[in-house]
Structures are given as structure tokens and as C-alpha cells.
Amino acid sequence: KLAGFPSHGMVLCASNEDHSVVKLVSVPVEAKIGERVTVPGFDFEGEEGAPFAENKVGKKKVFEKIAPFLQTSEYGVPTFGGRPLLTSAGVCTSPINKGSVS
């Protein structure tokens, strides 16, 4: 729960190499509340693109498998495998350059 309401969202943060600086990843101001962050080239439609059930995420160690591929570019753009994290309003951003995202 978040402030007394059920929440299934995820907060993404970027950090520098030694994790001494941690900052929130920002979505564009025009992004819709609750909107899913996507990655170009991946199909998020249909059954294949459906989110895992809550109990499967921990069991399958989903985040642990993708974490090494979540980084920020030299311009602070959070990426997955070099592809930017997007919303319908545009690219997500971070004040951390060449860092990791978790």
C-alpha cells in the first residue's frame, strides 16, 4: 500500500557507480498517471506483453535478470539494453549520467 491505497507501481531510481548518489527517474510532465513505461522494439500488447502476476515477479527473479541491462546513457536517459525508457509523452530522464537504474 502507498498512502493507504493499494499500489502495483514501481519507482525507478538512477545511481552513480558507487551508489553514493541516488535520484528518481522522471517521466515527462505530460505522461499519464499510472501509464506503463515501455522500451522501443518490445511488444507490450497482448498476452506476451502482459505484466507478470505479483507472486510470479519474486519467484522468477524478474528484476534480478533484467537489472544488469538497466543503465543511464551519457545524457542521463534511462535505458534497457541501450534503448530509452519511454512513455506516450516521450523519453524518461535522470540527472545521473552513465549510471545504473534500479
Protein backbone atom coordinates (compact mmCIF):
# COMPACT_ATOMS: atom_id res chain seq x y z
CA LYS A 1 0.00 0.00 0.00
CA LEU A 2 1.03 3.55 -0.69
CA ALA A 3 -0.57 6.23 1.49
CA GLY A 4 -3.30 3.75 2.37
CA PHE A 5 -4.10 2.80 -1.25
CA PRO A 6 -3.19 -0.48 -2.98
CA SER A 7 -0.27 0.14 -5.33
CA HIS A 8 1.25 -2.07 -8.00
CA GLY A 9 3.57 0.59 -9.36
CA MET A 10 7.32 0.70 -9.36
CA VAL A 11 9.63 3.58 -8.65
CA LEU A 12 12.80 3.69 -10.72
CA CYS A 13 15.94 5.38 -9.45
CA ALA A 14 19.30 6.02 -11.08
CA SER A 15 22.56 5.90 -9.17
CA ASN A 16 26.19 6.67 -9.84
CA GLU A 17 28.83 3.94 -9.99
CA ASP A 18 29.46 3.67 -6.24
CA HIS A 19 25.75 4.26 -5.39
CA SER A 20 26.61 7.31 -3.27
CA VAL A 21 24.17 9.45 -5.31
CA VAL A 22 20.64 8.16 -5.99
CA LYS A 23 17.97 10.16 -7.86
CA LEU A 24 14.47 9.37 -9.10
CA VAL A 25 13.95 8.65 -12.79
CA SER A 26 11.50 11.25 -14.16
CA VAL A 27 8.77 10.76 -16.71
CA PRO A 28 7.71 13.63 -18.98
CA VAL A 29 5.28 16.05 -17.30
CA GLU A 30 2.64 15.18 -19.92
CA ALA A 31 2.76 11.44 -19.10
CA LYS A 32 -0.49 9.95 -17.85
CA ILE A 33 -0.65 8.92 -14.19
CA GLY A 34 -0.26 5.14 -13.96
CA GLU A 35 0.99 4.84 -17.53
CA ARG A 36 3.29 1.95 -18.33
CA VAL A 37 6.89 2.76 -19.21
CA THR A 38 7.91 0.95 -22.41
CA VAL A 39 11.02 0.16 -24.44
CA PRO A 40 11.17 0.59 -28.25
CA GLY A 41 11.34 -2.70 -30.12
CA PHE A 42 9.49 -4.70 -27.45
CA ASP A 43 5.84 -5.64 -27.92
CA PHE A 44 3.81 -4.72 -24.83
CA GLU A 45 0.46 -5.69 -26.38
CA GLY A 46 -1.42 -8.96 -25.99
CA GLU A 47 -0.65 -11.87 -23.71
CA GLU A 48 3.12 -11.77 -24.32
CA GLY A 49 3.30 -8.15 -23.16
CA ALA A 50 1.11 -8.55 -20.10
CA PRO A 51 2.76 -7.84 -16.74
CA PHE A 52 3.68 -10.85 -14.61
CA ALA A 53 1.32 -11.65 -11.75
CA GLU A 54 2.57 -10.16 -8.49
CA ASN A 55 3.50 -13.55 -6.99
CA LYS A 56 5.50 -14.52 -10.11
CA VAL A 57 7.80 -11.48 -10.07
CA GLY A 58 9.64 -12.56 -6.92
CA LYS A 59 9.58 -16.29 -7.72
CA LYS A 60 11.03 -15.84 -11.19
CA LYS A 61 13.52 -13.18 -10.02
CA VAL A 62 12.43 -11.00 -12.93
CA PHE A 63 14.09 -7.79 -11.78
CA GLU A 64 17.35 -9.54 -10.94
CA LYS A 65 17.50 -10.86 -14.51
CA ILE A 66 16.96 -7.50 -16.23
CA ALA A 67 18.81 -5.24 -13.76
CA PRO A 68 22.23 -5.54 -15.47
CA PHE A 69 20.67 -4.10 -18.66
CA LEU A 70 19.12 -1.04 -16.94
CA GLN A 71 21.54 1.89 -17.20
CA THR A 72 21.60 5.60 -17.90
CA SER A 73 23.22 6.99 -21.02
CA GLU A 74 25.91 9.67 -21.13
CA TYR A 75 22.99 12.14 -21.32
CA GLY A 76 21.10 10.74 -18.31
CA VAL A 77 18.48 8.85 -20.33
CA PRO A 78 17.44 5.63 -18.56
CA THR A 79 17.82 2.70 -20.96
CA PHE A 80 17.22 -1.03 -21.20
CA GLY A 81 19.83 -2.67 -23.39
CA GLY A 82 20.69 0.73 -24.86
CA ARG A 83 17.06 1.55 -25.75
CA PRO A 84 15.41 4.51 -23.98
CA LEU A 85 12.61 4.08 -21.43
CA LEU A 86 9.53 5.82 -22.88
CA THR A 87 6.00 6.93 -22.09
CA SER A 88 3.43 8.13 -24.62
CA ALA A 89 4.65 11.66 -23.80
CA GLY A 90 8.30 10.93 -24.57
CA VAL A 91 11.60 9.83 -23.05
CA CYS A 92 12.21 9.39 -19.32
CA THR A 93 15.15 11.31 -17.83
CA SER A 94 17.59 11.23 -14.95
CA PRO A 95 20.19 13.65 -13.59
CA ILE A 96 22.67 10.74 -13.34
CA ASN A 97 24.88 10.16 -16.42
CA LYS A 98 26.42 6.74 -17.11
CA GLY A 99 24.82 5.16 -14.05
CA SER A 100 22.65 2.19 -13.20
CA VAL A 101 18.85 2.06 -12.83
CA SER A 102 17.04 0.09 -10.17
